C-alpha atoms as a PDB file:
ATOM      1  CA  MET A   1     -14.272   5.711   2.684  1.00  0.00           C
ATOM      2  CA  VAL A   2     -10.755   5.836   1.296  1.00  0.00           C
ATOM      3  CA  LYS A   3      -8.115   3.140   2.290  1.00  0.00           C
ATOM      4  CA  ILE A   4      -4.290   2.515   1.750  1.00  0.00           C
ATOM      5  CA  ARG A   5      -3.756  -1.063   0.727  1.00  0.00           C
ATOM      6  CA  LEU A   6      -2.236  -3.517  -0.963  1.00  0.00           C
ATOM      7  CA  LYS A   7      -3.112  -4.752  -4.896  1.00  0.00           C
ATOM      8  CA  ARG A   8      -1.965  -8.033  -5.784  1.00  0.00           C
ATOM      9  CA  MET A   9       0.172  -8.555  -8.853  1.00  0.00           C
ATOM     10  CA  GLY A  10       2.480 -11.045 -10.351  1.00  0.00           C
ATOM     11  CA  GLN A  11       2.416 -14.628 -11.034  1.00  0.00           C
ATOM     12  CA  LYS A  12       0.723 -17.434  -9.384  1.00  0.00           C
ATOM     13  CA  LYS A  13       2.522 -18.317  -5.891  1.00  0.00           C
ATOM     14  CA  ALA A  14       5.071 -15.359  -7.120  1.00  0.00           C
ATOM     15  CA  PRO A  15       2.806 -12.358  -5.319  1.00  0.00           C
ATOM     16  CA  PHE A  16       4.306  -8.913  -5.155  1.00  0.00           C
ATOM     17  CA  TYR A  17       1.997  -6.157  -3.860  1.00  0.00           C
ATOM     18  CA  ARG A  18       1.674  -2.528  -5.300  1.00  0.00           C
ATOM     19  CA  ILE A  19       0.804  -0.054  -2.409  1.00  0.00           C
ATOM     20  CA  VAL A  20      -2.645   1.762  -3.570  1.00  0.00           C
ATOM     21  CA  VAL A  21      -5.178   4.803  -2.280  1.00  0.00           C
ATOM     22  CA  ALA A  22      -8.571   3.290  -3.291  1.00  0.00           C
ATOM     23  CA  ASP A  23     -11.976   3.597  -2.479  1.00  0.00           C
ATOM     24  CA  ALA A  24     -13.151   1.164   0.029  1.00  0.00           C
ATOM     25  CA  ARG A  25     -16.120  -0.154  -1.984  1.00  0.00           C
ATOM     26  CA  SER A  26     -13.883  -1.044  -4.990  1.00  0.00           C
ATOM     27  CA  PRO A  27     -12.434  -4.490  -5.470  1.00  0.00           C
ATOM     28  CA  ARG A  28      -9.538  -5.663  -4.060  1.00  0.00           C
ATOM     29  CA  ASP A  29      -7.016  -5.789  -7.864  1.00  0.00           C
ATOM     30  CA  GLY A  30      -9.927  -3.168  -9.006  1.00  0.00           C
ATOM     31  CA  ARG A  31     -10.096   0.833  -9.544  1.00  0.00           C
ATOM     32  CA  PHE A  32      -7.779   2.791  -6.991  1.00  0.00           C
ATOM     33  CA  ILE A  33      -7.115   6.595  -7.289  1.00  0.00           C
ATOM     34  CA  GLU A  34      -3.339   6.960  -7.121  1.00  0.00           C
ATOM     35  CA  GLU A  35      -0.759   4.319  -6.518  1.00  0.00           C
ATOM     36  CA  ILE A  36       2.304   5.297  -3.844  1.00  0.00           C
ATOM     37  CA  GLY A  37       4.686   2.457  -3.700  1.00  0.00           C
ATOM     38  CA  TYR A  38       5.569  -1.369  -4.104  1.00  0.00           C
ATOM     39  CA  TYR A  39       6.200  -4.321  -1.748  1.00  0.00           C
ATOM     40  CA  ASP A  40       7.766  -7.530  -2.777  1.00  0.00           C
ATOM     41  CA  PRO A  41       7.575  -9.945   0.218  1.00  0.00           C
ATOM     42  CA  THR A  42       9.207 -12.808  -2.161  1.00  0.00           C
ATOM     43  CA  LYS A  43      12.751 -11.381  -1.725  1.00  0.00           C
ATOM     44  CA  ASP A  44      14.882 -11.625   1.110  1.00  0.00           C
ATOM     45  CA  PRO A  45      14.883  -9.631   2.915  1.00  0.00           C
ATOM     46  CA  SER A  46      11.293  -8.076   1.843  1.00  0.00           C
ATOM     47  CA  VAL A  47      11.877  -5.055  -0.621  1.00  0.00           C
ATOM     48  CA  TYR A  48       9.423  -1.924  -0.544  1.00  0.00           C
ATOM     49  CA  SER A  49       9.310   1.197  -1.783  1.00  0.00           C
ATOM     50  CA  LEU A  50       6.975   4.165  -0.976  1.00  0.00           C
ATOM     51  CA  ASN A  51       6.164   7.829  -1.566  1.00  0.00           C
ATOM     52  CA  GLU A  52       6.436   9.249   1.987  1.00  0.00           C
ATOM     53  CA  GLU A  53       5.038  12.682   0.845  1.00  0.00           C
ATOM     54  CA  ALA A  54       1.720  11.045  -0.853  1.00  0.00           C
ATOM     55  CA  ALA A  55       1.119   8.378   2.036  1.00  0.00           C
ATOM     56  CA  LYS A  56       1.532  11.658   4.413  1.00  0.00           C
ATOM     57  CA  LYS A  57      -0.682  13.615   2.105  1.00  0.00           C
ATOM     58  CA  TRP A  58      -3.682  10.886   1.858  1.00  0.00           C
ATOM     59  CA  LEU A  59      -3.136  10.342   6.002  1.00  0.00           C
ATOM     60  CA  ALA A  60      -3.838  13.721   6.736  1.00  0.00           C
ATOM     61  CA  ASN A  61      -7.079  13.814   4.078  1.00  0.00           C
ATOM     62  CA  GLY A  62      -8.409  10.676   6.588  1.00  0.00           C
ATOM     63  CA  ALA A  63      -7.213   7.530   4.170  1.00  0.00           C
ATOM     64  CA  GLN A  64      -7.062   4.376   6.520  1.00  0.00           C
ATOM     65  CA  PRO A  65      -4.203   2.138   5.652  1.00  0.00           C
ATOM     66  CA  THR A  66      -4.911  -1.708   6.408  1.00  0.00           C
ATOM     67  CA  ALA A  67      -2.973  -3.669   8.756  1.00  0.00           C
ATOM     68  CA  GLU A  68      -0.230  -4.800   6.252  1.00  0.00           C
ATOM     69  CA  VAL A  69       0.255  -1.377   5.046  1.00  0.00           C
ATOM     70  CA  ALA A  70       0.343   0.274   8.352  1.00  0.00           C
ATOM     71  CA  LYS A  71       3.451  -2.009   9.587  1.00  0.00           C
ATOM     72  CA  LEU A  72       5.105  -0.744   6.030  1.00  0.00           C
ATOM     73  CA  LEU A  73       4.076   2.809   6.871  1.00  0.00           C
ATOM     74  CA  LYS A  74       5.945   1.941  10.369  1.00  0.00           C
ATOM     75  CA  ILE A  75       8.529   0.850   9.110  1.00  0.00           C
ATOM     76  CA  ALA A  76       9.312   3.806   6.725  1.00  0.00           C
ATOM     77  CA  GLY A  77       8.661   6.069   9.349  1.00  0.00           C
ATOM     78  CA  VAL A  78       5.872   7.793   8.361  1.00  0.00           C
ATOM     79  CA  THR A  79       3.652   6.995  11.258  1.00  0.00           C
ATOM     80  CA  LYS A  80       4.562   6.088  14.848  1.00  0.00           C
END
């Protein structure tokens, strides 16, 4: 199964995340298929960027977003 999930980057206690499409069997920060955006929760307010076309393409092909990514997709207006 293919998942849309967050890949943790950044320093200790200062995380930011890349939104990636990855095989469900690969580790959290391991191999991925495509990077479609980023999310920085340390800023106030939180900052995110998302390639909406790529996200829609992967969702149409059956990729399952994790809970946190689903919230970001809803905020971006990609899903309902």
